[in-house]
């Protein structure tokens, strides 16, 4: 497999691959293609910054992009702004979901605090 990768990189020509990050990216893609040809499951690409753009964040938490923009504008969900780009930390998205998670214990606690119709009438 190493020989195949080296031969492929040599075909591309070293002049196009002078930048080290580009070389690493091409090498990673070659390894992934070989793995897919062997039938291995594709490995998810991890963003080194841990940030997701609006589309990826919306897909991760199951909301539309417009809803996510509104939540970010209201600072309901933490976000990072780079110029006009809006980015979200994966850990913030996971925390947002966990805060809104419904469980029998949380629902039972909520129902104990809400007054019933008869209790409201007495007030």
PDB file of N, CA and C in Angstrom:
ATOM      1  N   UNK A   1       0.823  -1.183   0.000  1.00  0.00           N
ATOM      2  CA  UNK A   1       0.000   0.000   0.000  1.00  0.00           C
ATOM      3  C   UNK A   1       0.874   1.256   0.000  1.00  0.00           C
ATOM      4  N   UNK A   2       1.986   1.258   0.731  1.00  0.00           N
ATOM      5  CA  UNK A   2       2.905   2.396   0.749  1.00  0.00           C
ATOM      6  C   UNK A   2       3.441   2.676  -0.647  1.00  0.00           C
ATOM      7  N   UNK A   3       3.787   1.611  -1.372  1.00  0.00           N
ATOM      8  CA  UNK A   3       4.325   1.782  -2.721  1.00  0.00           C
ATOM      9  C   UNK A   3       3.278   2.396  -3.647  1.00  0.00           C
ATOM     10  N   UNK A   4       2.027   1.956  -3.504  1.00  0.00           N
ATOM     11  CA  UNK A   4       0.955   2.519  -4.317  1.00  0.00           C
ATOM     12  C   UNK A   4       0.806   4.013  -4.057  1.00  0.00           C
ATOM     13  N   UNK A   5       0.857   4.396  -2.793  1.00  0.00           N
ATOM     14  CA  UNK A   5       0.705   5.802  -2.430  1.00  0.00           C
ATOM     15  C   UNK A   5       1.868   6.628  -2.976  1.00  0.00           C
ATOM     16  N   UNK A   6       3.065   6.107  -2.840  1.00  0.00           N
ATOM     17  CA  UNK A   6       4.237   6.822  -3.347  1.00  0.00           C
ATOM     18  C   UNK A   6       4.180   6.979  -4.864  1.00  0.00           C
ATOM     19  N   UNK A   7       3.758   5.931  -5.544  1.00  0.00           N
ATOM     20  CA  UNK A   7       3.662   5.995  -7.005  1.00  0.00           C
ATOM     21  C   UNK A   7       2.615   7.019  -7.421  1.00  0.00           C
ATOM     22  N   UNK A   8       1.511   7.046  -6.711  1.00  0.00           N
ATOM     23  CA  UNK A   8       0.449   7.988  -7.035  1.00  0.00           C
ATOM     24  C   UNK A   8       0.907   9.427  -6.794  1.00  0.00           C
ATOM     25  N   UNK A   9       1.592   9.656  -5.682  1.00  0.00           N
ATOM     26  CA  UNK A   9       2.100  10.994  -5.389  1.00  0.00           C
ATOM     27  C   UNK A   9       3.145  11.418  -6.420  1.00  0.00           C
ATOM     28  N   UNK A  10       3.966  10.476  -6.867  1.00  0.00           N
ATOM     29  CA  UNK A  10       4.973  10.795  -7.873  1.00  0.00           C
ATOM     30  C   UNK A  10       4.315  11.184  -9.192  1.00  0.00           C
ATOM     31  N   UNK A  11       3.191  10.529  -9.538  1.00  0.00           N
ATOM     32  CA  UNK A  11       2.475  10.859 -10.765  1.00  0.00           C
ATOM     33  C   UNK A  11       1.939  12.280 -10.728  1.00  0.00           C
ATOM     34  N   UNK A  12       1.493  12.720  -9.562  1.00  0.00           N
ATOM     35  CA  UNK A  12       0.961  14.077  -9.445  1.00  0.00           C
ATOM     36  C   UNK A  12       2.040  15.125  -9.661  1.00  0.00           C
ATOM     37  N   UNK A  13       3.236  14.780  -9.289  1.00  0.00           N
ATOM     38  CA  UNK A  13       4.343  15.714  -9.453  1.00  0.00           C
ATOM     39  C   UNK A  13       4.581  16.495  -8.181  1.00  0.00           C
ATOM     40  N   UNK A  14       5.815  16.508  -7.781  1.00  0.00           N
ATOM     41  CA  UNK A  14       6.181  17.173  -6.539  1.00  0.00           C
ATOM     42  C   UNK A  14       5.932  18.680  -6.573  1.00  0.00           C
ATOM     43  N   UNK A  15       5.948  19.294  -7.753  1.00  0.00           N
ATOM     44  CA  UNK A  15       5.769  20.743  -7.810  1.00  0.00           C
ATOM     45  C   UNK A  15       4.380  21.169  -7.334  1.00  0.00           C
ATOM     46  N   UNK A  16       3.398  20.276  -7.430  1.00  0.00           N
ATOM     47  CA  UNK A  16       2.047  20.595  -6.983  1.00  0.00           C
ATOM     48  C   UNK A  16       1.848  20.308  -5.497  1.00  0.00           C
ATOM     49  N   UNK A  17       2.806  19.635  -4.898  1.00  0.00           N
ATOM     50  CA  UNK A  17       2.636  19.201  -3.517  1.00  0.00           C
ATOM     51  C   UNK A  17       3.723  19.752  -2.608  1.00  0.00           C
ATOM     52  N   UNK A  18       4.131  20.977  -2.815  1.00  0.00           N
ATOM     53  CA  UNK A  18       5.208  21.553  -2.014  1.00  0.00           C
ATOM     54  C   UNK A  18       4.756  21.888  -0.601  1.00  0.00           C
ATOM     55  N   UNK A  19       3.513  22.220  -0.449  1.00  0.00           N
ATOM     56  CA  UNK A  19       3.005  22.607   0.857  1.00  0.00           C
ATOM     57  C   UNK A  19       2.744  21.349   1.689  1.00  0.00           C
ATOM     58  N   UNK A  20       3.304  21.292   2.890  1.00  0.00           N
ATOM     59  CA  UNK A  20       3.196  20.100   3.732  1.00  0.00           C
ATOM     60  C   UNK A  20       1.753  19.745   4.085  1.00  0.00           C
ATOM     61  N   UNK A  21       0.895  20.701   4.491  1.00  0.00           N
ATOM     62  CA  UNK A  21      -0.492  20.315   4.787  1.00  0.00           C
ATOM     63  C   UNK A  21      -1.205  19.693   3.589  1.00  0.00           C
ATOM     64  N   UNK A  22      -0.914  20.170   2.390  1.00  0.00           N
ATOM     65  CA  UNK A  22      -1.535  19.596   1.201  1.00  0.00           C
ATOM     66  C   UNK A  22      -1.056  18.161   1.017  1.00  0.00           C
ATOM     67  N   UNK A  23       0.231  17.933   1.217  1.00  0.00           N
ATOM     68  CA  UNK A  23       0.763  16.569   1.120  1.00  0.00           C
ATOM     69  C   UNK A  23       0.077  15.641   2.114  1.00  0.00           C
ATOM     70  N   UNK A  24      -0.073  16.114   3.328  1.00  0.00           N
ATOM     71  CA  UNK A  24      -0.710  15.287   4.357  1.00  0.00           C
ATOM     72  C   UNK A  24      -2.158  14.991   3.988  1.00  0.00           C
ATOM     73  N   UNK A  25      -2.851  15.995   3.474  1.00  0.00           N
ATOM     74  CA  UNK A  25      -4.248  15.803   3.082  1.00  0.00           C
ATOM     75  C   UNK A  25      -4.366  14.802   1.943  1.00  0.00           C
ATOM     76  N   UNK A  26      -3.514  14.930   0.940  1.00  0.00           N
ATOM     77  CA  UNK A  26      -3.529  14.004  -0.197  1.00  0.00           C
ATOM     78  C   UNK A  26      -3.200  12.593   0.280  1.00  0.00           C
ATOM     79  N   UNK A  27      -2.198  12.469   1.141  1.00  0.00           N
ATOM     80  CA  UNK A  27      -1.830  11.146   1.654  1.00  0.00           C
ATOM     81  C   UNK A  27      -2.983  10.535   2.439  1.00  0.00           C
ATOM     82  N   UNK A  28      -3.660  11.337   3.235  1.00  0.00           N
ATOM     83  CA  UNK A  28      -4.801  10.829   4.004  1.00  0.00           C
ATOM     84  C   UNK A  28      -5.922  10.383   3.077  1.00  0.00           C
ATOM     85  N   UNK A  29      -6.164  11.137   2.019  1.00  0.00           N
ATOM     86  CA  UNK A  29      -7.201  10.757   1.062  1.00  0.00           C
ATOM     87  C   UNK A  29      -6.843   9.466   0.327  1.00  0.00           C
ATOM     88  N   UNK A  30      -5.583   9.305  -0.018  1.00  0.00           N
ATOM     89  CA  UNK A  30      -5.149   8.079  -0.692  1.00  0.00           C
ATOM     90  C   UNK A  30      -5.351   6.873   0.218  1.00  0.00           C
ATOM     91  N   UNK A  31      -4.977   7.020   1.468  1.00  0.00           N
ATOM     92  CA  UNK A  31      -5.165   5.926   2.434  1.00  0.00           C
ATOM     93  C   UNK A  31      -6.647   5.600   2.572  1.00  0.00           C
ATOM     94  N   UNK A  32      -7.489   6.640   2.622  1.00  0.00           N
ATOM     95  CA  UNK A  32      -8.933   6.424   2.764  1.00  0.00           C
ATOM     96  C   UNK A  32      -9.510   5.716   1.535  1.00  0.00           C
ATOM     97  N   UNK A  33      -9.065   6.094   0.342  1.00  0.00           N
ATOM     98  CA  UNK A  33      -9.540   5.442  -0.886  1.00  0.00           C
ATOM     99  C   UNK A  33      -9.156   3.972  -0.892  1.00  0.00           C
ATOM    100  N   UNK A  34      -7.922   3.678  -0.514  1.00  0.00           N
ATOM    101  CA  UNK A  34      -7.493   2.276  -0.453  1.00  0.00           C
ATOM    102  C   UNK A  34      -8.315   1.498   0.569  1.00  0.00           C
ATOM    103  N   UNK A  35      -8.602   2.104   1.700  1.00  0.00           N
ATOM    104  CA  UNK A  35      -9.402   1.434   2.727  1.00  0.00           C
ATOM    105  C   UNK A  35     -10.817   1.178   2.221  1.00  0.00           C
ATOM    106  N   UNK A  36     -11.399   2.137   1.506  1.00  0.00           N
ATOM    107  CA  UNK A  36     -12.745   1.953   0.964  1.00  0.00           C
ATOM    108  C   UNK A  36     -12.778   0.857  -0.088  1.00  0.00           C
ATOM    109  N   UNK A  37     -11.712   0.770  -0.874  1.00  0.00           N
ATOM    110  CA  UNK A  37     -11.653  -0.300  -1.878  1.00  0.00           C
ATOM    111  C   UNK A  37     -11.595  -1.672  -1.222  1.00  0.00           C
ATOM    112  N   UNK A  38     -10.965  -1.753  -0.051  1.00  0.00           N
ATOM    113  CA  UNK A  38     -10.899  -3.024   0.678  1.00  0.00           C
ATOM    114  C   UNK A  38     -12.191  -3.316   1.422  1.00  0.00           C
ATOM    115  N   UNK A  39     -13.128  -2.361   1.453  1.00  0.00           N
ATOM    116  CA  UNK A  39     -14.411  -2.578   2.117  1.00  0.00           C
ATOM    117  C   UNK A  39     -14.459  -2.073   3.541  1.00  0.00           C
ATOM    118  N   UNK A  40     -13.470  -1.317   3.971  1.00  0.00           N
ATOM    119  CA  UNK A  40     -13.481  -0.773   5.325  1.00  0.00           C
ATOM    120  C   UNK A  40     -14.451   0.392   5.409  1.00  0.00           C
ATOM    121  N   UNK A  41     -15.007   0.600   6.587  1.00  0.00           N
ATOM    122  CA  UNK A  41     -15.931   1.713   6.804  1.00  0.00           C
ATOM    123  C   UNK A  41     -15.159   3.024   6.775  1.00  0.00           C
ATOM    124  N   UNK A  42     -15.732   4.075   6.178  1.00  0.00           N
ATOM    125  CA  UNK A  42     -15.032   5.361   6.142  1.00  0.00           C
ATOM    126  C   UNK A  42     -14.905   5.971   7.524  1.00  0.00           C
ATOM    127  N   UNK A  43     -13.767   6.599   7.783  1.00  0.00           N
ATOM    128  CA  UNK A  43     -13.528   7.262   9.062  1.00  0.00           C
ATOM    129  C   UNK A  43     -14.041   8.693   8.982  1.00  0.00           C
ATOM    130  N   UNK A  44     -14.781   9.159   9.996  1.00  0.00           N
ATOM    131  CA  UNK A  44     -15.248  10.537   9.959  1.00  0.00           C
ATOM    132  C   UNK A  44     -14.080  11.509  10.050  1.00  0.00           C
ATOM    133  N   UNK A  45     -14.159  12.601   9.297  1.00  0.00           N
ATOM    134  CA  UNK A  45     -13.126  13.622   9.324  1.00  0.00           C
ATOM    135  C   UNK A  45     -13.386  14.541  10.512  1.00  0.00           C
ATOM    136  N   UNK A  46     -12.399  14.714  11.355  1.00  0.00           N
ATOM    137  CA  UNK A  46     -12.522  15.539  12.548  1.00  0.00           C
ATOM    138  C   UNK A  46     -11.899  16.894  12.262  1.00  0.00           C
ATOM    139  N   UNK A  47     -12.664  17.942  12.544  1.00  0.00           N
ATOM    140  CA  UNK A  47     -12.154  19.297  12.380  1.00  0.00           C
ATOM    141  C   UNK A  47     -11.212  19.577  13.541  1.00  0.00           C
ATOM    142  N   UNK A  48      -9.972  19.987  13.270  1.00  0.00           N
ATOM    143  CA  UNK A  48      -9.016  20.192  14.366  1.00  0.00           C
ATOM    144  C   UNK A  48      -9.433  21.288  15.340  1.00  0.00           C
ATOM    145  N   UNK A  49     -10.253  22.234  14.903  1.00  0.00           N
ATOM    146  CA  UNK A  49     -10.696  23.301  15.802  1.00  0.00           C
ATOM    147  C   UNK A  49     -11.880  22.871  16.652  1.00  0.00           C
ATOM    148  N   UNK A  50     -12.564  21.823  16.252  1.00  0.00           N
ATOM    149  CA  UNK A  50     -13.735  21.375  16.997  1.00  0.00           C
ATOM    150  C   UNK A  50     -14.958  22.237  16.733  1.00  0.00           C
ATOM    151  N   UNK A  51     -14.936  23.021  15.657  1.00  0.00           N
ATOM    152  CA  UNK A  51     -16.048  23.910  15.329  1.00  0.00           C
ATOM    153  C   UNK A  51     -16.798  23.390  14.112  1.00  0.00           C
ATOM    154  N   UNK A  52     -18.108  23.599  14.121  1.00  0.00           N
ATOM    155  CA  UNK A  52     -18.955  23.220  12.999  1.00  0.00           C
ATOM    156  C   UNK A  52     -19.603  24.463  12.417  1.00  0.00           C
ATOM    157  N   UNK A  53     -19.802  24.469  11.105  1.00  0.00           N
ATOM    158  CA  UNK A  53     -20.525  25.587  10.508  1.00  0.00           C
ATOM    159  C   UNK A  53     -22.018  25.401  10.760  1.00  0.00           C
ATOM    160  N   UNK A  54     -22.818  26.341  10.284  1.00  0.00           N
ATOM    161  CA  UNK A  54     -24.254  26.324  10.592  1.00  0.00           C
ATOM    162  C   UNK A  54     -24.921  25.073  10.043  1.00  0.00           C
ATOM    163  N   UNK A  55     -24.595  24.684   8.811  1.00  0.00           N
ATOM    164  CA  UNK A  55     -25.235  23.495   8.229  1.00  0.00           C
ATOM    165  C   UNK A  55     -24.917  22.236   9.018  1.00  0.00           C
ATOM    166  N   UNK A  56     -23.650  22.044   9.337  1.00  0.00           N
ATOM    167  CA  UNK A  56     -23.250  20.840  10.072  1.00  0.00           C
ATOM    168  C   UNK A  56     -23.840  20.844  11.481  1.00  0.00           C
ATOM    169  N   UNK A  57     -23.853  22.008  12.123  1.00  0.00           N
ATOM    170  CA  UNK A  57     -24.417  22.101  13.480  1.00  0.00           C
ATOM    171  C   UNK A  57     -25.912  21.825  13.454  1.00  0.00           C
ATOM    172  N   UNK A  58     -26.610  22.385  12.475  1.00  0.00           N
ATOM    173  CA  UNK A  58     -28.054  22.158  12.367  1.00  0.00           C
ATOM    174  C   UNK A  58     -28.351  20.680  12.125  1.00  0.00           C
ATOM    175  N   UNK A  59     -27.570  20.051  11.271  1.00  0.00           N
ATOM    176  CA  UNK A  59     -27.755  18.624  11.007  1.00  0.00           C
ATOM    177  C   UNK A  59     -27.473  17.808  12.262  1.00  0.00           C
ATOM    178  N   UNK A  60     -26.473  18.210  13.034  1.00  0.00           N
ATOM    179  CA  UNK A  60     -26.109  17.459  14.238  1.00  0.00           C
ATOM    180  C   UNK A  60     -27.224  17.464  15.274  1.00  0.00           C
ATOM    181  N   UNK A  61     -27.909  18.606  15.434  1.00  0.00           N
ATOM    182  CA  UNK A  61     -28.935  18.675  16.472  1.00  0.00           C
ATOM    183  C   UNK A  61     -30.357  18.575  15.915  1.00  0.00           C
ATOM    184  N   UNK A  62     -30.485  18.419  14.601  1.00  0.00           N
ATOM    185  CA  UNK A  62     -31.794  18.157  14.014  1.00  0.00           C
ATOM    186  C   UNK A  62     -32.678  19.383  13.871  1.00  0.00           C
ATOM    187  N   UNK A  63     -32.084  20.549  13.666  1.00  0.00           N
ATOM    188  CA  UNK A  63     -32.846  21.776  13.465  1.00  0.00           C
ATOM    189  C   UNK A  63     -32.556  22.333  12.084  1.00  0.00           C
ATOM    190  N   UNK A  64     -33.413  23.244  11.639  1.00  0.00           N
ATOM    191  CA  UNK A  64     -33.134  23.922  10.376  1.00  0.00           C
ATOM    192  C   UNK A  64     -32.070  24.989  10.611  1.00  0.00           C
ATOM    193  N   UNK A  65     -31.422  25.399   9.535  1.00  0.00           N
ATOM    194  CA  UNK A  65     -30.396  26.421   9.673  1.00  0.00           C
ATOM    195  C   UNK A  65     -30.992  27.750  10.124  1.00  0.00           C
ATOM    196  N   UNK A  66     -32.210  28.069   9.666  1.00  0.00           N
ATOM    197  CA  UNK A  66     -32.822  29.338  10.077  1.00  0.00           C
ATOM    198  C   UNK A  66     -33.125  29.348  11.574  1.00  0.00           C
ATOM    199  N   UNK A  67     -33.570  28.215  12.104  1.00  0.00           N
ATOM    200  CA  UNK A  67     -33.824  28.122  13.544  1.00  0.00           C
ATOM    201  C   UNK A  67     -32.526  28.265  14.319  1.00  0.00           C
ATOM    202  N   UNK A  68     -31.477  27.664  13.822  1.00  0.00           N
ATOM    203  CA  UNK A  68     -30.185  27.756  14.494  1.00  0.00           C
ATOM    204  C   UNK A  68     -29.664  29.191  14.479  1.00  0.00           C
ATOM    205  N   UNK A  69     -29.838  29.890  13.356  1.00  0.00           N
ATOM    206  CA  UNK A  69     -29.453  31.306  13.299  1.00  0.00           C
ATOM    207  C   UNK A  69     -30.228  32.114  14.341  1.00  0.00           C
ATOM    208  N   UNK A  70     -31.517  31.851  14.484  1.00  0.00           N
ATOM    209  CA  UNK A  70     -32.341  32.583  15.460  1.00  0.00           C
ATOM    210  C   UNK A  70     -31.895  32.290  16.886  1.00  0.00           C
ATOM    211  N   UNK A  71     -31.603  31.020  17.188  1.00  0.00           N
ATOM    212  CA  UNK A  71     -31.142  30.661  18.525  1.00  0.00           C
ATOM    213  C   UNK A  71     -29.800  31.315  18.842  1.00  0.00           C
ATOM    214  N   UNK A  72     -28.925  31.394  17.855  1.00  0.00           N
ATOM    215  CA  UNK A  72     -27.622  32.022  18.051  1.00  0.00           C
ATOM    216  C   UNK A  72     -27.778  33.534  18.241  1.00  0.00           C
ATOM    217  N   UNK A  73     -28.684  34.153  17.481  1.00  0.00           N
ATOM    218  CA  UNK A  73     -28.907  35.595  17.611  1.00  0.00           C
ATOM    219  C   UNK A  73     -29.468  35.945  18.983  1.00  0.00           C
ATOM    220  N   UNK A  74     -30.301  35.074  19.529  1.00  0.00           N
ATOM    221  CA  UNK A  74     -30.885  35.292  20.848  1.00  0.00           C
ATOM    222  C   UNK A  74     -29.946  34.835  21.969  1.00  0.00           C
ATOM    223  N   UNK A  75     -28.786  34.326  21.603  1.00  0.00           N
ATOM    224  CA  UNK A  75     -27.781  33.786  22.519  1.00  0.00           C
ATOM    225  C   UNK A  75     -28.385  32.670  23.385  1.00  0.00           C
ATOM    226  N   UNK A  76     -29.310  31.925  22.795  1.00  0.00           N
ATOM    227  CA  UNK A  76     -29.865  30.745  23.456  1.00  0.00           C
ATOM    228  C   UNK A  76     -28.885  29.597  23.357  1.00  0.00           C
ATOM    229  N   UNK A  77     -28.131  29.585  22.285  1.00  0.00           N
ATOM    230  CA  UNK A  77     -27.108  28.570  22.080  1.00  0.00           C
ATOM    231  C   UNK A  77     -25.781  29.300  21.842  1.00  0.00           C
ATOM    232  N   UNK A  78     -24.716  28.913  22.523  1.00  0.00           N
ATOM    233  CA  UNK A  78     -23.429  29.597  22.340  1.00  0.00           C
ATOM    234  C   UNK A  78     -22.898  29.411  20.917  1.00  0.00           C
ATOM    235  N   UNK A  79     -22.285  30.456  20.402  1.00  0.00           N
ATOM    236  CA  UNK A  79     -21.722  30.394  19.055  1.00  0.00           C
ATOM    237  C   UNK A  79     -20.462  31.244  19.000  1.00  0.00           C
ATOM    238  N   UNK A  80     -19.718  31.048  17.927  1.00  0.00           N
ATOM    239  CA  UNK A  80     -18.491  31.795  17.694  1.00  0.00           C
ATOM    240  C   UNK A  80     -18.652  32.491  16.352  1.00  0.00           C
ATOM    241  N   UNK A  81     -18.350  33.765  16.301  1.00  0.00           N
ATOM    242  CA  UNK A  81     -18.502  34.530  15.073  1.00  0.00           C
ATOM    243  C   UNK A  81     -17.129  34.899  14.521  1.00  0.00           C
ATOM    244  N   UNK A  82     -16.856  34.512  13.273  1.00  0.00           N
ATOM    245  CA  UNK A  82     -15.640  34.879  12.556  1.00  0.00           C
ATOM    246  C   UNK A  82     -16.060  35.722  11.361  1.00  0.00           C
ATOM    247  N   UNK A  83     -16.041  37.037  11.513  1.00  0.00           N
ATOM    248  CA  UNK A  83     -16.517  37.896  10.438  1.00  0.00           C
ATOM    249  C   UNK A  83     -17.992  37.634  10.223  1.00  0.00           C
ATOM    250  N   UNK A  84     -18.338  37.140   9.047  1.00  0.00           N
ATOM    251  CA  UNK A  84     -19.738  36.815   8.780  1.00  0.00           C
ATOM    252  C   UNK A  84     -20.045  35.338   9.017  1.00  0.00           C
ATOM    253  N   UNK A  85     -19.013  34.552   9.326  1.00  0.00           N
ATOM    254  CA  UNK A  85     -19.219  33.115   9.568  1.00  0.00           C
ATOM    255  C   UNK A  85     -19.651  32.864  10.995  1.00  0.00           C
ATOM    256  N   UNK A  86     -20.619  31.996  11.156  1.00  0.00           N
ATOM    257  CA  UNK A  86     -21.111  31.603  12.461  1.00  0.00           C
ATOM    258  C   UNK A  86     -20.718  30.146  12.681  1.00  0.00           C
ATOM    259  N   UNK A  87     -20.015  29.876  13.771  1.00  0.00           N
ATOM    260  CA  UNK A  87     -19.518  28.532  14.051  1.00  0.00           C
ATOM    261  C   UNK A  87     -19.991  28.096  15.427  1.00  0.00           C
ATOM    262  N   UNK A  88     -20.045  26.783  15.642  1.00  0.00           N
ATOM    263  CA  UNK A  88     -20.524  26.227  16.897  1.00  0.00           C
ATOM    264  C   UNK A  88     -19.558  25.156  17.383  1.00  0.00           C
ATOM    265  N   UNK A  89     -19.273  25.168  18.687  1.00  0.00           N
ATOM    266  CA  UNK A  89     -18.461  24.115  19.276  1.00  0.00           C
ATOM    267  C   UNK A  89     -19.332  22.881  19.470  1.00  0.00           C
ATOM    268  N   UNK A  90     -18.770  21.736  19.179  1.00  0.00           N
ATOM    269  CA  UNK A  90     -19.505  20.477  19.319  1.00  0.00           C
ATOM    270  C   UNK A  90     -19.947  20.288  20.770  1.00  0.00           C
ATOM    271  N   UNK A  91     -19.089  20.641  21.713  1.00  0.00           N
ATOM    272  CA  UNK A  91     -19.436  20.479  23.125  1.00  0.00           C
ATOM    273  C   UNK A  91     -20.600  21.378  23.518  1.00  0.00           C
ATOM    274  N   UNK A  92     -20.681  22.589  22.931  1.00  0.00           N
ATOM    275  CA  UNK A  92     -21.808  23.479  23.214  1.00  0.00           C
ATOM    276  C   UNK A  92     -23.109  22.919  22.651  1.00  0.00           C
ATOM    277  N   UNK A  93     -23.045  22.328  21.468  1.00  0.00           N
ATOM    278  CA  UNK A  93     -24.241  21.713  20.882  1.00  0.00           C
ATOM    279  C   UNK A  93     -24.720  20.543  21.733  1.00  0.00           C
ATOM    280  N   UNK A  94     -23.775  19.723  22.190  1.00  0.00           N
ATOM    281  CA  UNK A  94     -24.143  18.588  23.030  1.00  0.00           C
ATOM    282  C   UNK A  94     -24.752  19.054  24.358  1.00  0.00           C
ATOM    283  N   UNK A  95     -24.193  20.117  24.936  1.00  0.00           N
ATOM    284  CA  UNK A  95     -24.735  20.671  26.190  1.00  0.00           C
ATOM    285  C   UNK A  95     -26.131  21.247  25.968  1.00  0.00           C
ATOM    286  N   UNK A  96     -26.331  21.906  24.832  1.00  0.00           N
ATOM    287  CA  UNK A  96     -27.641  22.470  24.494  1.00  0.00           C
ATOM    288  C   UNK A  96     -28.692  21.367  24.435  1.00  0.00           C
ATOM    289  N   UNK A  97     -28.350  20.271  23.788  1.00  0.00           N
ATOM    290  CA  UNK A  97     -29.274  19.138  23.679  1.00  0.00           C
ATOM    291  C   UNK A  97     -29.531  18.527  25.058  1.00  0.00           C
ATOM    292  N   UNK A  98     -28.489  18.358  25.842  1.00  0.00           N
ATOM    293  CA  UNK A  98     -28.638  17.737  27.166  1.00  0.00           C
ATOM    294  C   UNK A  98     -29.528  18.583  28.080  1.00  0.00           C
ATOM    295  N   UNK A  99     -29.433  19.912  27.975  1.00  0.00           N
ATOM    296  CA  UNK A  99     -30.270  20.794  28.795  1.00  0.00           C
ATOM    297  C   UNK A  99     -31.747  20.638  28.458  1.00  0.00           C
ATOM    298  N   UNK A 100     -32.039  20.279  27.229  1.00  0.00           N
ATOM    299  CA  UNK A 100     -33.427  20.157  26.794  1.00  0.00           C
ATOM    300  C   UNK A 100     -33.916  18.718  26.760  1.00  0.00           C
ATOM    301  N   UNK A 101     -33.120  17.834  27.257  1.00  0.00           N
ATOM    302  CA  UNK A 101     -33.465  16.412  27.258  1.00  0.00           C
ATOM    303  C   UNK A 101     -34.612  16.152  28.227  1.00  0.00           C
ATOM    304  N   UNK A 102     -35.591  15.440  27.758  1.00  0.00           N
ATOM    305  CA  UNK A 102     -36.726  15.090  28.603  1.00  0.00           C
ATOM    306  C   UNK A 102     -36.524  13.683  29.132  1.00  0.00           C
ATOM    307  N   UNK A 103     -36.665  13.542  30.406  1.00  0.00           N
ATOM    308  CA  UNK A 103     -36.583  12.229  31.025  1.00  0.00           C
ATOM    309  C   UNK A 103     -37.763  12.111  31.977  1.00  0.00           C
ATOM    310  N   UNK A 104     -38.145  10.900  32.355  1.00  0.00           N
ATOM    311  CA  UNK A 104     -39.277  10.755  33.275  1.00  0.00           C
ATOM    312  C   UNK A 104     -39.065  11.524  34.585  1.00  0.00           C
ATOM    313  N   UNK A 105     -37.840  11.549  35.070  1.00  0.00           N
ATOM    314  CA  UNK A 105     -37.564  12.246  36.325  1.00  0.00           C
ATOM    315  C   UNK A 105     -37.764  13.756  36.177  1.00  0.00           C
ATOM    316  N   UNK A 106     -37.280  14.321  35.087  1.00  0.00           N
ATOM    317  CA  UNK A 106     -37.428  15.766  34.876  1.00  0.00           C
ATOM    318  C   UNK A 106     -38.884  16.139  34.657  1.00  0.00           C
ATOM    319  N   UNK A 107     -39.613  15.330  33.904  1.00  0.00           N
ATOM    320  CA  UNK A 107     -41.029  15.624  33.653  1.00  0.00           C
ATOM    321  C   UNK A 107     -41.819  15.508  34.942  1.00  0.00           C
ATOM    322  N   UNK A 108     -41.541  14.495  35.764  1.00  0.00           N
ATOM    323  CA  UNK A 108     -42.254  14.336  37.043  1.00  0.00           C
ATOM    324  C   UNK A 108     -41.979  15.516  37.961  1.00  0.00           C
ATOM    325  N   UNK A 109     -40.735  15.984  37.994  1.00  0.00           N
ATOM    326  CA  UNK A 109     -40.391  17.149  38.814  1.00  0.00           C
ATOM    327  C   UNK A 109     -41.105  18.394  38.335  1.00  0.00           C
ATOM    328  N   UNK A 110     -41.252  18.551  37.041  1.00  0.00           N
ATOM    329  CA  UNK A 110     -41.946  19.697  36.481  1.00  0.00           C
ATOM    330  C   UNK A 110     -43.426  19.637  36.824  1.00  0.00           C
ATOM    331  N   UNK A 111     -44.030  18.443  36.722  1.00  0.00           N
ATOM    332  CA  UNK A 111     -45.457  18.303  37.006  1.00  0.00           C
ATOM    333  C   UNK A 111     -45.766  18.584  38.474  1.00  0.00           C
ATOM    334  N   UNK A 112     -44.840  18.299  39.375  1.00  0.00           N
ATOM    335  CA  UNK A 112     -45.070  18.594  40.794  1.00  0.00           C
ATOM    336  C   UNK A 112     -45.095  20.097  41.056  1.00  0.00           C
ATOM    337  N   UNK A 113     -44.405  20.878  40.242  1.00  0.00           N
ATOM    338  CA  UNK A 113     -44.331  22.323  40.445  1.00  0.00           C
ATOM    339  C   UNK A 113     -45.489  23.072  39.810  1.00  0.00           C
ATOM    340  N   UNK A 114     -46.133  22.506  38.782  1.00  0.00           N
ATOM    341  CA  UNK A 114     -47.213  23.191  38.073  1.00  0.00           C
ATOM    342  C   UNK A 114     -48.512  22.998  38.842  1.00  0.00           C
ATOM    343  N   UNK A 115     -49.167  24.091  39.237  1.00  0.00           N
ATOM    344  CA  UNK A 115     -50.433  23.950  39.960  1.00  0.00           C
ATOM    345  C   UNK A 115     -51.537  23.435  39.041  1.00  0.00           C
ATOM    346  N   UNK A 116     -52.401  22.605  39.593  1.00  0.00           N
ATOM    347  CA  UNK A 116     -53.529  22.084  38.823  1.00  0.00           C
ATOM    348  C   UNK A 116     -54.618  23.154  38.751  1.00  0.00           C
ATOM    349  N   UNK A 117     -55.699  22.895  38.024  1.00  0.00           N
ATOM    350  CA  UNK A 117     -56.773  23.869  37.848  1.00  0.00           C
ATOM    351  C   UNK A 117     -57.419  24.263  39.173  1.00  0.00           C
ATOM    352  N   UNK A 118     -57.641  23.300  40.078  1.00  0.00           N
ATOM    353  CA  UNK A 118     -58.276  23.602  41.366  1.00  0.00           C
ATOM    354  C   UNK A 118     -57.328  24.457  42.239  1.00  0.00           C
ATOM    355  N   UNK A 119     -56.053  24.166  42.180  1.00  0.00           N
ATOM    356  CA  UNK A 119     -55.090  24.935  42.978  1.00  0.00           C
ATOM    357  C   UNK A 119     -54.980  26.361  42.452  1.00  0.00           C
ATOM    358  N   UNK A 120     -55.099  26.540  41.150  1.00  0.00           N
ATOM    359  CA  UNK A 120     -55.025  27.874  40.579  1.00  0.00           C
ATOM    360  C   UNK A 120     -56.245  28.708  40.964  1.00  0.00           C
ATOM    361  N   UNK A 121     -57.406  28.066  41.047  1.00  0.00           N
ATOM    362  CA  UNK A 121     -58.649  28.776  41.369  1.00  0.00           C
ATOM    363  C   UNK A 121     -58.617  29.300  42.803  1.00  0.00           C
ATOM    364  N   UNK A 122     -57.958  28.584  43.724  1.00  0.00           N
ATOM    365  CA  UNK A 122     -57.896  28.994  45.128  1.00  0.00           C
ATOM    366  C   UNK A 122     -56.997  30.210  45.319  1.00  0.00           C
ATOM    367  N   UNK A 123     -56.126  30.491  44.420  1.00  0.00           N
ATOM    368  CA  UNK A 123     -55.188  31.602  44.587  1.00  0.00           C
ATOM    369  C   UNK A 123     -55.812  32.919  44.350  1.00  0.00           C
TER     370      UNK A 123
END
